[in-house]
Structures are given as C-alpha cells and as structure tokens.
Amino acid sequence: MPEAFDPAAMVARFRERAAAVRRRGMPPVEGAERRRIVEQMELDYMDFAMVGDADATLAEGILTLTIDLRPSPAPASRPVDQPE
C-alpha cells in the first residue's frame, strides 16, 4: 500500500462511483437481460453509496469504515392547528 494512502479520498472515489452508476445509460437490451442489468445497477449503486457515506479512519495500518445503517429520523410533525 502506498505511504500516501488517503482514506477520505478513497471514500470520495466511491461517492463518485455511486453517482456514475446513476448517470449510466441502459444498453439496448430487453426482457430478462434488461432486468438483470437493472438489478445489478441497483446493487452497485447501493454498495458504492454506502462506502461513499462512510467515515474512514486509518490507524496503525488498519482501515476502518464506519457506516451508519440506521434509518433517518422522520421529520417532526407539527399540530394541525398551529400556523407555520
């Protein structure tokens, strides 16, 4: 591994890969092959996006990725009779 390994740069590359999956066009295929390609694109996006959202640390040669998989909290609702 290179001495200048930058965990934050690696995470940024994964974030860009996730965006690239979203921008990727569909090849001209139909039927079962098209469904397989779409499913793979969805998995690729999910994997790249999770690593792209990670907090990365490198300590004593050990790379640790912390990925929060908890659902986002729902926005607080306000009572109906209260104005905005």
N, C-alpha and C. Protein backbone atom coordinates (compact mmCIF):
# COMPACT_ATOMS: atom_id res chain seq x y z
N MET A 1 0.85 -1.18 0.00
CA MET A 1 0.00 0.00 0.00
C MET A 1 0.89 1.24 0.00
N PRO A 2 0.54 2.24 -0.82
CA PRO A 2 1.36 3.45 -0.86
C PRO A 2 1.36 4.18 0.48
N GLU A 3 2.45 4.85 0.77
CA GLU A 3 2.57 5.59 2.02
C GLU A 3 1.54 6.72 2.10
N ALA A 4 1.16 7.28 0.96
CA ALA A 4 0.28 8.45 0.95
C ALA A 4 -1.20 8.06 0.82
N PHE A 5 -1.59 6.89 1.29
CA PHE A 5 -2.98 6.47 1.19
C PHE A 5 -3.86 7.45 1.96
N ASP A 6 -4.91 7.91 1.32
CA ASP A 6 -5.82 8.89 1.92
C ASP A 6 -7.21 8.27 2.01
N PRO A 7 -7.65 7.86 3.22
CA PRO A 7 -8.96 7.24 3.35
C PRO A 7 -10.10 8.15 2.88
N ALA A 8 -10.00 9.44 3.14
CA ALA A 8 -11.06 10.36 2.72
C ALA A 8 -11.15 10.42 1.19
N ALA A 9 -10.02 10.36 0.51
CA ALA A 9 -10.03 10.37 -0.95
C ALA A 9 -10.65 9.07 -1.48
N MET A 10 -10.39 7.95 -0.82
CA MET A 10 -10.99 6.68 -1.23
C MET A 10 -12.51 6.76 -1.11
N VAL A 11 -12.99 7.29 0.00
CA VAL A 11 -14.44 7.43 0.20
C VAL A 11 -15.03 8.35 -0.87
N ALA A 12 -14.33 9.42 -1.20
CA ALA A 12 -14.80 10.33 -2.25
C ALA A 12 -14.88 9.62 -3.60
N ARG A 13 -13.92 8.75 -3.90
CA ARG A 13 -13.97 7.99 -5.15
C ARG A 13 -15.19 7.08 -5.19
N PHE A 14 -15.54 6.47 -4.08
CA PHE A 14 -16.73 5.62 -4.04
C PHE A 14 -17.99 6.46 -4.20
N ARG A 15 -17.99 7.66 -3.62
CA ARG A 15 -19.14 8.56 -3.79
C ARG A 15 -19.32 8.89 -5.27
N GLU A 16 -18.21 9.14 -5.97
CA GLU A 16 -18.27 9.43 -7.41
C GLU A 16 -18.73 8.20 -8.19
N ARG A 17 -18.30 7.02 -7.79
CA ARG A 17 -18.75 5.80 -8.47
C ARG A 17 -20.25 5.62 -8.31
N ALA A 18 -20.79 5.92 -7.15
CA ALA A 18 -22.23 5.82 -6.95
C ALA A 18 -22.95 6.78 -7.89
N ALA A 19 -22.45 8.00 -8.00
CA ALA A 19 -23.07 8.97 -8.91
C ALA A 19 -22.96 8.50 -10.36
N ALA A 20 -21.85 7.87 -10.71
CA ALA A 20 -21.66 7.38 -12.08
C ALA A 20 -22.66 6.27 -12.41
N VAL A 21 -22.97 5.43 -11.43
CA VAL A 21 -23.97 4.38 -11.66
C VAL A 21 -25.31 5.02 -11.98
N ARG A 22 -25.66 6.09 -11.27
CA ARG A 22 -26.93 6.77 -11.51
C ARG A 22 -26.97 7.41 -12.90
N ARG A 23 -25.81 7.88 -13.39
CA ARG A 23 -25.74 8.53 -14.71
C ARG A 23 -25.64 7.53 -15.85
N ARG A 24 -25.26 6.29 -15.54
CA ARG A 24 -25.01 5.29 -16.56
C ARG A 24 -26.27 5.02 -17.39
N GLY A 25 -26.12 4.98 -18.69
CA GLY A 25 -27.23 4.67 -19.58
C GLY A 25 -27.49 3.17 -19.66
N MET A 26 -28.66 2.84 -20.14
CA MET A 26 -29.02 1.43 -20.31
C MET A 26 -28.62 0.96 -21.70
N PRO A 27 -27.99 -0.21 -21.79
CA PRO A 27 -27.70 -0.75 -23.12
C PRO A 27 -29.01 -1.20 -23.78
N PRO A 28 -29.01 -1.33 -25.10
CA PRO A 28 -30.23 -1.69 -25.82
C PRO A 28 -30.55 -3.18 -25.69
N VAL A 29 -31.00 -3.59 -24.52
CA VAL A 29 -31.38 -4.99 -24.30
C VAL A 29 -32.80 -5.03 -23.75
N GLU A 30 -33.44 -6.16 -23.88
CA GLU A 30 -34.83 -6.31 -23.45
C GLU A 30 -34.98 -7.53 -22.56
N GLY A 31 -36.15 -7.65 -21.96
CA GLY A 31 -36.54 -8.85 -21.24
C GLY A 31 -35.72 -9.12 -19.99
N ALA A 32 -35.43 -10.41 -19.80
CA ALA A 32 -34.74 -10.87 -18.59
C ALA A 32 -33.35 -10.25 -18.45
N GLU A 33 -32.66 -10.07 -19.56
CA GLU A 33 -31.31 -9.48 -19.51
C GLU A 33 -31.38 -8.04 -19.01
N ARG A 34 -32.38 -7.30 -19.46
CA ARG A 34 -32.55 -5.92 -19.01
C ARG A 34 -32.83 -5.88 -17.50
N ARG A 35 -33.70 -6.76 -17.01
CA ARG A 35 -33.99 -6.81 -15.57
C ARG A 35 -32.73 -7.14 -14.78
N ARG A 36 -31.91 -8.07 -15.29
CA ARG A 36 -30.67 -8.43 -14.60
C ARG A 36 -29.73 -7.23 -14.53
N ILE A 37 -29.63 -6.48 -15.62
CA ILE A 37 -28.75 -5.31 -15.65
C ILE A 37 -29.25 -4.25 -14.67
N VAL A 38 -30.57 -4.01 -14.64
CA VAL A 38 -31.13 -3.02 -13.72
C VAL A 38 -30.88 -3.44 -12.28
N GLU A 39 -31.09 -4.71 -11.96
CA GLU A 39 -30.83 -5.19 -10.60
C GLU A 39 -29.38 -5.00 -10.22
N GLN A 40 -28.45 -5.29 -11.15
CA GLN A 40 -27.03 -5.12 -10.86
C GLN A 40 -26.69 -3.66 -10.65
N MET A 41 -27.29 -2.78 -11.45
CA MET A 41 -27.04 -1.34 -11.28
C MET A 41 -27.52 -0.87 -9.91
N GLU A 42 -28.68 -1.38 -9.47
CA GLU A 42 -29.19 -1.00 -8.15
C GLU A 42 -28.26 -1.47 -7.04
N LEU A 43 -27.75 -2.69 -7.16
CA LEU A 43 -26.80 -3.22 -6.16
C LEU A 43 -25.50 -2.42 -6.18
N ASP A 44 -24.99 -2.13 -7.38
CA ASP A 44 -23.76 -1.34 -7.49
C ASP A 44 -23.94 0.02 -6.82
N TYR A 45 -25.07 0.68 -7.10
CA TYR A 45 -25.31 1.99 -6.51
C TYR A 45 -25.34 1.89 -4.98
N MET A 46 -26.08 0.91 -4.47
CA MET A 46 -26.19 0.77 -3.01
C MET A 46 -24.81 0.54 -2.38
N ASP A 47 -24.02 -0.36 -2.97
CA ASP A 47 -22.70 -0.65 -2.41
C ASP A 47 -21.79 0.58 -2.46
N PHE A 48 -21.70 1.23 -3.63
CA PHE A 48 -20.84 2.39 -3.76
C PHE A 48 -21.32 3.54 -2.87
N ALA A 49 -22.64 3.73 -2.77
CA ALA A 49 -23.17 4.82 -1.96
C ALA A 49 -22.89 4.58 -0.47
N MET A 50 -23.01 3.34 -0.02
CA MET A 50 -22.73 3.07 1.40
C MET A 50 -21.28 3.37 1.73
N VAL A 51 -20.35 2.92 0.89
CA VAL A 51 -18.94 3.20 1.16
C VAL A 51 -18.67 4.70 0.99
N GLY A 52 -19.37 5.33 0.04
CA GLY A 52 -19.21 6.77 -0.16
C GLY A 52 -19.71 7.59 1.01
N ASP A 53 -20.60 7.03 1.83
CA ASP A 53 -21.10 7.72 3.02
C ASP A 53 -20.32 7.37 4.28
N ALA A 54 -19.33 6.51 4.16
CA ALA A 54 -18.59 6.03 5.33
C ALA A 54 -17.68 7.09 5.92
N ASP A 55 -17.45 6.96 7.21
CA ASP A 55 -16.38 7.70 7.87
C ASP A 55 -15.19 6.75 7.90
N ALA A 56 -14.09 7.14 7.27
CA ALA A 56 -12.93 6.27 7.16
C ALA A 56 -11.81 6.75 8.06
N THR A 57 -11.20 5.80 8.76
CA THR A 57 -10.02 6.12 9.57
C THR A 57 -8.94 5.09 9.28
N LEU A 58 -7.72 5.53 9.33
CA LEU A 58 -6.57 4.65 9.14
C LEU A 58 -5.69 4.82 10.37
N ALA A 59 -5.61 3.76 11.17
CA ALA A 59 -4.81 3.81 12.39
C ALA A 59 -3.97 2.56 12.49
N GLU A 60 -2.67 2.75 12.60
CA GLU A 60 -1.72 1.64 12.74
C GLU A 60 -1.88 0.61 11.62
N GLY A 61 -2.12 1.12 10.40
CA GLY A 61 -2.22 0.24 9.24
C GLY A 61 -3.55 -0.45 9.06
N ILE A 62 -4.53 -0.13 9.89
CA ILE A 62 -5.85 -0.75 9.80
C ILE A 62 -6.85 0.29 9.33
N LEU A 63 -7.49 0.01 8.18
CA LEU A 63 -8.52 0.89 7.64
C LEU A 63 -9.86 0.48 8.22
N THR A 64 -10.55 1.44 8.83
CA THR A 64 -11.86 1.18 9.41
C THR A 64 -12.88 2.09 8.73
N LEU A 65 -13.93 1.48 8.20
CA LEU A 65 -15.03 2.23 7.61
C LEU A 65 -16.22 2.13 8.55
N THR A 66 -16.74 3.26 8.98
CA THR A 66 -17.92 3.29 9.83
C THR A 66 -19.08 3.77 8.97
N ILE A 67 -20.10 2.91 8.84
CA ILE A 67 -21.25 3.22 8.00
C ILE A 67 -22.50 3.13 8.88
N ASP A 68 -23.19 4.24 8.99
CA ASP A 68 -24.41 4.30 9.80
C ASP A 68 -25.58 3.78 8.96
N LEU A 69 -26.09 2.62 9.30
CA LEU A 69 -27.18 2.00 8.55
C LEU A 69 -28.54 2.24 9.20
N ARG A 70 -28.55 3.06 10.25
CA ARG A 70 -29.83 3.36 10.90
C ARG A 70 -30.67 4.23 9.98
N PRO A 71 -32.00 4.02 9.98
CA PRO A 71 -32.86 4.87 9.14
C PRO A 71 -32.81 6.32 9.62
N SER A 72 -32.99 7.22 8.68
CA SER A 72 -33.04 8.65 9.03
C SER A 72 -34.28 8.90 9.87
N PRO A 73 -34.17 9.77 10.86
CA PRO A 73 -35.36 10.07 11.67
C PRO A 73 -36.40 10.78 10.81
N ALA A 74 -37.65 10.50 11.09
CA ALA A 74 -38.75 11.16 10.37
C ALA A 74 -38.80 12.62 10.80
N PRO A 75 -39.16 13.51 9.88
CA PRO A 75 -39.27 14.92 10.27
C PRO A 75 -40.36 15.08 11.30
N ALA A 76 -40.14 16.00 12.22
CA ALA A 76 -41.14 16.26 13.27
C ALA A 76 -42.38 16.86 12.64
N SER A 77 -43.51 16.35 13.02
CA SER A 77 -44.75 16.92 12.51
C SER A 77 -45.26 17.96 13.50
N ARG A 78 -45.92 18.93 12.97
CA ARG A 78 -46.46 19.96 13.84
C ARG A 78 -47.98 19.75 13.95
N PRO A 79 -48.56 20.15 15.04
CA PRO A 79 -50.00 20.01 15.21
C PRO A 79 -50.75 20.75 14.10
N VAL A 80 -51.88 20.23 13.70
CA VAL A 80 -52.66 20.79 12.61
C VAL A 80 -53.13 22.21 12.90
N ASP A 81 -53.45 22.50 14.15
CA ASP A 81 -53.98 23.83 14.47
C ASP A 81 -52.91 24.90 14.67
N GLN A 82 -51.63 24.56 14.49
CA GLN A 82 -50.55 25.54 14.65
C GLN A 82 -50.18 26.10 13.28
N PRO A 83 -50.06 27.42 13.17
CA PRO A 83 -49.61 28.01 11.89
C PRO A 83 -48.13 27.72 11.66
N GLU A 84 -47.71 27.84 10.42
CA GLU A 84 -46.31 27.59 10.06
C GLU A 84 -45.40 28.67 10.51
